[in-house]
Amino acid sequence: MQTGTELIFTRADSAGFTLVELLIAMALGLSLSAGVMQIYVANSQADRIQEAKMRIQETGRFALNFLASEIRMSAYLGCLSKSGIIHNMLYQPPASFQVERGIQGWEAKSVTAQELVSSSGSHWTSTEGNVLDTTTVMTGTDILRVWNTSPGAALLDSISSGAELTAVNSTIAGLANGDIVILNDCYRVDVLQACSVVHSSEGLGINTEATVCVPGNDVSKPARSQIDGELLKLKSALFYIGKRANVAENPPALFRRQLNSNAVAGTPEEMLEGIENMQILYGVNLDNDLQNTVDAYVPADQVSAWSSVISVRLSLLVQSIENNLAVGPQSYAFDGVLYDGAAGNGSLPSDRRLRSAFVATVTLRNRALAQ
């Protein structure tokens, strides 16, 4: 007697996927995964390229603004900046201490940046006896030095015998022992070293006779400036293209060397990474007309008198820090040259970085005013 329902399964009912079906499913899954991965890689690469372009724009614009602010104030020494004789009171100052130039440049002989070398070689030229503190620089890139003073001046209250000075109502921040200072009464300019600096309730006092001062002052030369003149801190900055720690494998960067207490260019400071080249033209007033107009833009090795420089045309080439962004080497135009490897043009880069050029023309405020 059958008391329940008997279930009978056939072999066809228990069969799974065949090997062919599994292979097809795997192929479809792999194709879908590959498509998703390709979209992810493409989006990731697009993001990398977009970020690199943004960083290039940011670096280029910041570099132009920073250099422009320094160039604009070149030759500013206080109320007497455009003309007059600078009385240098330093004792045997280094040959590179040429504050009277206001602005200086050195022209690179080669066309493109190639290697790190010492500036003491023959890769750079200048005029009027410009002397460059030895620096490790990328060949093919120009070098610039500016001279000016820090903002804010102290009122020169007294000048006593022995070259001791007292400044009252001082607005100078950070003046320290060994700093080079400017005295300016709008008729005469003195340059000397503040060997000993004392801040007190009465103002700012400096003594120039301390023996620990190097290079120190020639105390046989009395200051020519008179009381009620200005006392300002002298500044100078040397700008060039180099590499961190002078290691060839590191990316190029804009460097700065500021004037130190020995009256020479101080320790290199890396300012902006990725700046590959810097080319400079100087706008000069050739006919010395009273309107101080620019008659020509020339490289540093063609400037006949640095006192005639009215403006500066600055060209910067900025590269992406990251490599392998483009599908192949990318051509670019810089300083009037197309770098694409074609006959008569510059060499095509060997890397796959992105590059962009930035140009600005900056007027020296203290020389552009009509006389």
Protein backbone atom coordinates (compact mmCIF):
# COMPACT_ATOMS: atom_id res chain seq x y z
CA MET A 1 0.00 0.00 0.00
CA GLN A 2 1.46 3.32 -1.01
CA THR A 3 0.99 5.90 1.68
CA GLY A 4 2.80 8.94 0.22
CA THR A 5 3.83 10.62 -2.93
CA GLU A 6 7.00 9.19 -4.39
CA LEU A 7 9.34 11.74 -5.96
CA ILE A 8 11.39 10.51 -8.82
CA PHE A 9 14.37 12.65 -10.04
CA THR A 10 15.85 12.05 -13.40
CA ARG A 11 19.48 12.79 -14.38
CA ALA A 12 18.31 15.66 -16.56
CA ASP A 13 16.70 17.36 -13.55
CA SER A 14 19.99 17.40 -11.51
CA ALA A 15 22.31 18.52 -14.30
CA GLY A 16 24.36 21.84 -13.75
CA PHE A 17 26.14 24.20 -16.14
CA THR A 18 28.15 22.67 -18.84
CA LEU A 19 31.84 23.48 -19.27
CA VAL A 20 31.04 25.54 -22.35
CA GLU A 21 28.49 27.59 -20.42
CA LEU A 22 30.99 28.22 -17.62
CA LEU A 23 33.63 29.32 -20.08
CA ILE A 24 31.19 31.71 -21.76
CA ALA A 25 30.14 33.14 -18.39
CA MET A 26 33.77 33.61 -17.35
CA ALA A 27 34.57 35.29 -20.65
CA LEU A 28 31.64 37.67 -20.27
CA GLY A 29 32.65 38.44 -16.67
CA LEU A 30 36.24 39.09 -17.63
CA SER A 31 35.15 41.32 -20.49
CA LEU A 32 32.92 43.30 -18.14
CA SER A 33 35.70 43.57 -15.53
CA ALA A 34 38.18 44.65 -18.20
CA GLY A 35 35.78 47.33 -19.37
CA VAL A 36 35.27 48.62 -15.83
CA MET A 37 39.03 48.57 -15.22
CA GLN A 38 39.69 50.42 -18.48
CA ILE A 39 37.18 53.12 -17.51
CA TYR A 40 38.82 53.41 -14.08
CA VAL A 41 42.32 53.68 -15.55
CA ALA A 42 41.18 56.25 -18.13
CA ASN A 43 39.47 58.35 -15.45
CA SER A 44 42.48 58.04 -13.18
CA GLN A 45 44.83 59.14 -15.97
CA ALA A 46 42.52 62.04 -16.81
CA ASP A 47 42.57 63.09 -13.16
CA ARG A 48 46.37 62.91 -13.09
CA ILE A 49 46.64 65.04 -16.23
CA GLN A 50 44.13 67.58 -14.91
CA GLU A 51 45.92 67.83 -11.57
CA ALA A 52 49.29 68.22 -13.32
CA LYS A 53 47.93 71.03 -15.49
CA MET A 54 46.52 72.79 -12.44
CA ARG A 55 49.83 72.51 -10.61
CA ILE A 56 51.71 73.85 -13.65
CA GLN A 57 49.36 76.85 -13.80
CA GLU A 58 49.67 77.45 -10.08
CA THR A 59 53.46 77.21 -10.12
CA GLY A 60 53.87 79.42 -13.17
CA ARG A 61 51.59 82.17 -11.94
CA PHE A 62 53.02 82.18 -8.44
CA ALA A 63 56.58 82.27 -9.79
CA LEU A 64 55.80 85.22 -12.06
CA ASN A 65 54.11 87.13 -9.24
CA PHE A 66 56.92 86.42 -6.81
CA LEU A 67 59.71 87.39 -9.21
CA ALA A 68 57.77 90.42 -10.42
CA SER A 69 57.47 91.78 -6.89
CA GLU A 70 61.25 91.48 -6.45
CA ILE A 71 62.09 92.93 -9.86
CA ARG A 72 59.63 95.78 -9.45
CA MET A 73 61.46 97.01 -6.34
CA SER A 74 64.95 96.66 -7.83
CA ALA A 75 67.26 99.61 -7.17
CA TYR A 76 65.05 100.93 -4.38
CA LEU A 77 67.33 102.30 -1.65
CA GLY A 78 65.01 104.80 -0.04
CA CYS A 79 64.17 108.38 -0.92
CA LEU A 80 67.27 108.66 -3.16
CA SER A 81 67.12 105.69 -5.51
CA LYS A 82 67.18 106.98 -9.08
CA SER A 83 70.45 108.82 -9.05
CA GLY A 84 73.31 109.82 -6.81
CA ILE A 85 76.59 108.28 -5.75
CA ILE A 86 76.54 105.37 -3.31
CA HIS A 87 79.21 105.68 -0.65
CA ASN A 88 80.31 102.15 0.26
CA MET A 89 81.75 102.12 3.80
CA LEU A 90 82.36 98.35 3.97
CA TYR A 91 85.94 97.28 4.60
CA GLN A 92 87.21 95.37 1.55
CA PRO A 93 83.77 94.16 0.42
CA PRO A 94 83.60 91.04 -1.79
CA ALA A 95 83.80 91.62 -5.54
CA SER A 96 80.18 90.48 -5.97
CA PHE A 97 78.87 93.23 -3.66
CA GLN A 98 77.66 95.58 -6.41
CA VAL A 99 74.67 97.30 -4.86
CA GLU A 100 75.10 100.29 -7.17
CA ARG A 101 73.87 98.18 -10.14
CA GLY A 102 70.36 97.81 -8.70
CA ILE A 103 69.72 94.85 -11.00
CA GLN A 104 72.11 92.40 -12.68
CA GLY A 105 71.82 89.52 -15.11
CA TRP A 106 73.89 86.76 -16.65
CA GLU A 107 73.02 85.34 -20.06
CA ALA A 108 73.26 81.59 -20.68
CA LYS A 109 75.34 80.73 -23.73
CA SER A 110 73.60 77.47 -24.65
CA VAL A 111 69.97 77.27 -25.78
CA THR A 112 68.45 74.56 -23.59
CA ALA A 113 68.94 73.39 -20.03
CA GLN A 114 71.22 70.35 -19.99
CA GLU A 115 73.29 69.81 -16.84
CA LEU A 116 74.28 71.20 -13.47
CA VAL A 117 77.58 73.09 -13.55
CA SER A 118 79.39 75.75 -11.57
CA SER A 119 78.64 79.32 -12.57
CA SER A 120 82.37 80.05 -12.35
CA GLY A 121 82.87 78.47 -15.78
CA SER A 122 82.21 79.95 -19.22
CA HIS A 123 78.52 79.07 -19.52
CA TRP A 124 77.28 82.58 -18.58
CA THR A 125 78.26 86.06 -19.72
CA SER A 126 77.40 89.57 -18.57
CA THR A 127 78.59 93.17 -18.97
CA GLU A 128 80.01 96.07 -16.99
CA GLY A 129 82.10 93.78 -14.84
CA ASN A 130 79.21 91.98 -13.11
CA VAL A 131 80.60 89.47 -10.61
CA LEU A 132 78.60 86.35 -9.74
CA ASP A 133 78.98 84.42 -6.48
CA THR A 134 79.85 80.84 -7.41
CA THR A 135 76.62 78.85 -7.72
CA THR A 136 75.61 75.49 -9.19
CA VAL A 137 73.15 76.24 -11.99
CA MET A 138 71.45 74.45 -14.88
CA THR A 139 73.17 75.34 -18.13
CA GLY A 140 70.99 77.07 -20.69
CA THR A 141 69.11 79.06 -18.03
CA ASP A 142 69.59 82.76 -17.22
CA ILE A 143 70.57 84.17 -13.82
CA LEU A 144 69.15 87.30 -12.18
CA ARG A 145 70.18 89.36 -9.14
CA VAL A 146 68.21 92.24 -7.62
CA TRP A 147 69.19 94.81 -4.98
CA ASN A 148 66.72 96.74 -2.82
CA THR A 149 65.78 97.40 0.80
CA SER A 150 63.24 95.99 3.23
CA PRO A 151 60.01 97.96 3.62
CA GLY A 152 59.89 100.42 6.48
CA ALA A 153 62.61 102.85 7.52
CA ALA A 154 63.92 104.17 10.81
CA LEU A 155 64.51 107.85 11.36
CA LEU A 156 68.22 108.55 11.73
CA ASP A 157 68.34 110.58 14.92
CA SER A 158 72.08 111.02 15.43
CA ILE A 159 75.48 110.11 14.02
CA SER A 160 78.25 110.33 16.59
CA SER A 161 81.99 109.97 16.25
CA GLY A 162 83.24 106.45 15.70
CA ALA A 163 80.42 105.68 13.29
CA GLU A 164 77.91 104.96 16.06
CA LEU A 165 74.35 105.54 14.95
CA THR A 166 71.06 105.87 16.76
CA ALA A 167 67.70 105.47 15.09
CA VAL A 168 64.48 106.37 16.84
CA ASN A 169 60.85 105.53 16.03
CA SER A 170 62.13 102.45 14.23
CA THR A 171 59.79 100.40 12.07
CA ILE A 172 62.50 97.98 10.94
CA ALA A 173 61.63 94.41 11.83
CA GLY A 174 64.26 91.74 12.27
CA LEU A 175 67.38 93.88 12.03
CA ALA A 176 70.18 91.79 13.57
CA ASN A 177 73.91 91.86 14.17
CA GLY A 178 75.82 91.76 10.91
CA ASP A 179 73.06 93.07 8.66
CA ILE A 180 74.03 95.47 5.88
CA VAL A 181 72.14 98.76 6.12
CA ILE A 182 71.55 101.85 4.00
CA LEU A 183 71.67 105.45 5.25
CA ASN A 184 69.81 107.83 2.98
CA ASP A 185 69.08 111.49 3.56
CA CYS A 186 67.66 111.98 0.04
CA TYR A 187 70.94 113.61 -1.06
CA ARG A 188 73.55 111.02 -0.12
CA VAL A 189 73.56 107.23 0.31
CA ASP A 190 75.88 105.31 2.67
CA VAL A 191 76.25 101.54 2.83
CA LEU A 192 77.62 100.01 6.03
CA GLN A 193 77.37 96.98 8.28
CA ALA A 194 75.45 97.02 11.55
CA CYS A 195 77.97 95.09 13.63
CA SER A 196 76.08 95.47 16.90
CA VAL A 197 72.36 96.11 17.09
CA VAL A 198 70.57 97.23 20.27
CA HIS A 199 66.80 97.54 20.57
CA SER A 200 65.60 99.74 23.41
CA SER A 201 62.70 101.92 24.44
CA GLU A 202 64.52 104.84 22.83
CA GLY A 203 64.62 103.14 19.46
CA LEU A 204 67.21 101.21 17.52
CA GLY A 205 70.92 101.68 18.02
CA ILE A 206 73.72 100.26 15.88
CA ASN A 207 77.49 100.29 16.25
CA THR A 208 79.67 99.78 13.19
CA GLU A 209 83.06 99.41 14.91
CA ALA A 210 82.74 95.91 16.38
CA THR A 211 85.72 93.75 15.39
CA VAL A 212 83.55 90.61 15.04
CA CYS A 213 81.93 92.11 11.95
CA VAL A 214 82.93 90.61 8.57
CA PRO A 215 83.61 92.28 6.22
CA GLY A 216 83.12 95.14 8.69
CA ASN A 217 83.44 98.84 8.01
CA ASP A 218 86.24 101.17 7.11
CA VAL A 219 85.89 103.57 10.05
CA SER A 220 88.23 106.00 8.36
CA LYS A 221 85.32 106.80 6.03
CA PRO A 222 82.81 108.99 7.87
CA ALA A 223 79.17 108.65 6.97
CA ARG A 224 78.02 111.32 4.52
CA SER A 225 74.34 111.08 5.31
CA GLN A 226 72.90 113.60 7.76
CA ILE A 227 70.50 113.19 10.66
CA ASP A 228 66.76 112.98 9.99
CA GLY A 229 67.54 110.71 7.08
CA GLU A 230 66.45 107.08 6.62
CA LEU A 231 67.99 103.87 7.87
CA LEU A 232 66.94 100.78 5.92
CA LYS A 233 68.03 97.14 5.76
CA LEU A 234 69.71 96.23 2.46
CA LYS A 235 68.39 93.21 0.60
CA SER A 236 69.67 91.26 -2.38
CA ALA A 237 68.47 88.05 -3.98
CA LEU A 238 70.12 85.87 -6.61
CA PHE A 239 67.59 83.84 -8.65
CA TYR A 240 68.51 80.83 -10.79
CA ILE A 241 67.42 77.34 -11.89
CA GLY A 242 69.02 74.46 -10.02
CA LYS A 243 68.22 71.11 -8.43
CA ARG A 244 67.74 70.07 -4.83
CA ALA A 245 71.05 69.17 -3.16
CA ASN A 246 72.62 69.56 -6.63
CA VAL A 247 71.52 66.01 -7.49
CA ALA A 248 70.97 65.58 -11.25
CA GLU A 249 68.08 63.10 -10.77
CA ASN A 250 65.98 65.63 -8.85
CA PRO A 251 63.48 67.81 -10.74
CA PRO A 252 64.55 71.38 -11.65
CA ALA A 253 63.42 74.23 -9.44
CA LEU A 254 63.68 77.99 -8.94
CA PHE A 255 66.26 78.81 -6.27
CA ARG A 256 67.08 81.97 -4.33
CA ARG A 257 70.23 83.06 -2.48
CA GLN A 258 69.75 86.06 -0.23
CA LEU A 259 72.42 88.49 0.94
CA ASN A 260 74.04 87.26 4.16
CA SER A 261 76.08 88.96 6.88
CA ASN A 262 79.30 88.36 4.93
CA ALA A 263 77.91 90.53 2.11
CA VAL A 264 77.73 87.60 -0.33
CA ALA A 265 74.90 85.42 -1.62
CA GLY A 266 73.84 83.09 1.19
CA THR A 267 72.55 79.52 1.43
CA PRO A 268 70.48 78.30 -1.58
CA GLU A 269 66.75 78.17 -0.92
CA GLU A 270 64.46 76.09 -3.12
CA MET A 271 61.48 78.30 -3.95
CA LEU A 272 59.36 76.43 -6.53
CA GLU A 273 59.76 72.91 -7.89
CA GLY A 274 59.16 72.19 -11.57
CA ILE A 275 60.52 75.39 -13.12
CA GLU A 276 62.73 74.06 -15.89
CA ASN A 277 64.02 77.18 -17.59
CA MET A 278 64.23 80.95 -17.10
CA GLN A 279 65.04 83.37 -19.91
CA ILE A 280 65.30 87.11 -19.37
CA LEU A 281 65.42 90.18 -21.60
CA TYR A 282 66.15 93.65 -20.25
CA GLY A 283 64.33 96.77 -21.44
CA VAL A 284 66.95 99.52 -21.75
CA ASN A 285 66.74 103.25 -22.31
CA LEU A 286 69.40 103.66 -24.99
CA ASP A 287 69.05 107.39 -25.64
CA ASN A 288 68.66 108.42 -21.97
CA ASP A 289 65.59 110.48 -22.77
CA LEU A 290 63.85 112.28 -19.93
CA GLN A 291 60.76 110.09 -20.24
CA ASN A 292 62.80 106.96 -19.41
CA THR A 293 61.19 104.94 -22.19
CA VAL A 294 62.38 101.48 -23.22
CA ASP A 295 64.09 101.53 -26.61
CA ALA A 296 65.01 97.83 -26.91
CA TYR A 297 64.87 94.51 -25.11
CA VAL A 298 68.26 92.81 -25.03
CA PRO A 299 69.87 89.84 -23.24
CA ALA A 300 72.21 90.40 -20.31
CA ASP A 301 75.36 90.20 -22.41
CA GLN A 302 74.16 93.17 -24.49
CA VAL A 303 73.24 95.58 -21.69
CA SER A 304 75.67 98.48 -22.03
CA ALA A 305 74.78 100.06 -18.68
CA TRP A 306 72.73 98.40 -15.94
CA SER A 307 71.60 101.80 -14.72
CA SER A 308 69.67 102.13 -18.01
CA VAL A 309 67.51 99.02 -17.38
CA ILE A 310 63.89 100.19 -17.08
CA SER A 311 62.00 96.90 -17.30
CA VAL A 312 62.46 93.14 -17.45
CA ARG A 313 60.76 90.60 -19.73
CA LEU A 314 60.64 87.29 -17.90
CA SER A 315 59.94 83.90 -19.54
CA LEU A 316 59.52 80.75 -17.45
CA LEU A 317 59.12 77.13 -18.59
CA VAL A 318 57.26 74.94 -16.10
CA GLN A 319 57.14 71.16 -16.34
CA SER A 320 54.94 68.63 -14.56
CA ILE A 321 56.67 66.95 -11.63
CA GLU A 322 55.12 63.60 -12.57
CA ASN A 323 56.32 61.79 -15.69
CA ASN A 324 54.40 59.48 -18.06
CA LEU A 325 51.35 61.70 -18.28
CA ALA A 326 51.23 61.95 -22.07
CA VAL A 327 51.07 59.08 -24.56
CA GLY A 328 54.46 60.15 -25.90
CA PRO A 329 56.97 63.01 -25.82
CA GLN A 330 55.11 66.31 -26.11
CA SER A 331 56.38 69.22 -28.22
CA TYR A 332 56.28 72.73 -26.74
CA ALA A 333 57.13 76.33 -27.60
CA PHE A 334 59.33 78.47 -25.36
CA ASP A 335 61.20 81.74 -25.81
CA GLY A 336 60.45 81.83 -29.53
CA VAL A 337 61.62 78.28 -30.24
CA LEU A 338 59.46 75.26 -31.10
CA TYR A 339 60.82 72.08 -29.53
CA ASP A 340 59.47 69.28 -31.69
CA GLY A 341 62.59 67.66 -33.13
CA ALA A 342 61.97 68.92 -36.66
CA ALA A 343 64.77 70.36 -38.78
CA GLY A 344 65.71 73.81 -37.57
CA ASN A 345 63.71 73.45 -34.36
CA GLY A 346 64.63 72.44 -30.84
CA SER A 347 64.97 68.85 -29.69
CA LEU A 348 61.86 66.88 -28.77
CA PRO A 349 61.85 66.02 -25.04
CA SER A 350 62.78 62.47 -24.15
CA ASP A 351 60.23 62.26 -21.31
CA ARG A 352 56.43 62.28 -21.27
CA ARG A 353 55.89 65.31 -19.04
CA LEU A 354 53.57 68.24 -19.68
CA ARG A 355 55.04 71.73 -20.13
CA SER A 356 53.77 75.28 -20.32
CA ALA A 357 55.43 78.68 -20.84
CA PHE A 358 54.69 81.83 -18.82
CA VAL A 359 55.72 85.36 -19.80
CA ALA A 360 55.51 88.70 -18.00
CA THR A 361 57.03 92.17 -18.44
CA VAL A 362 57.84 94.01 -15.22
CA THR A 363 58.72 97.69 -14.84
CA LEU A 364 61.26 98.88 -12.29
CA ARG A 365 59.27 101.44 -10.33
CA ASN A 366 62.28 103.49 -9.28
CA ARG A 367 63.56 103.98 -12.83
CA ALA A 368 60.41 104.30 -14.91
CA LEU A 369 59.37 107.69 -13.56
CA ALA A 370 60.13 110.56 -15.87
CA GLN A 371 62.90 112.84 -14.68
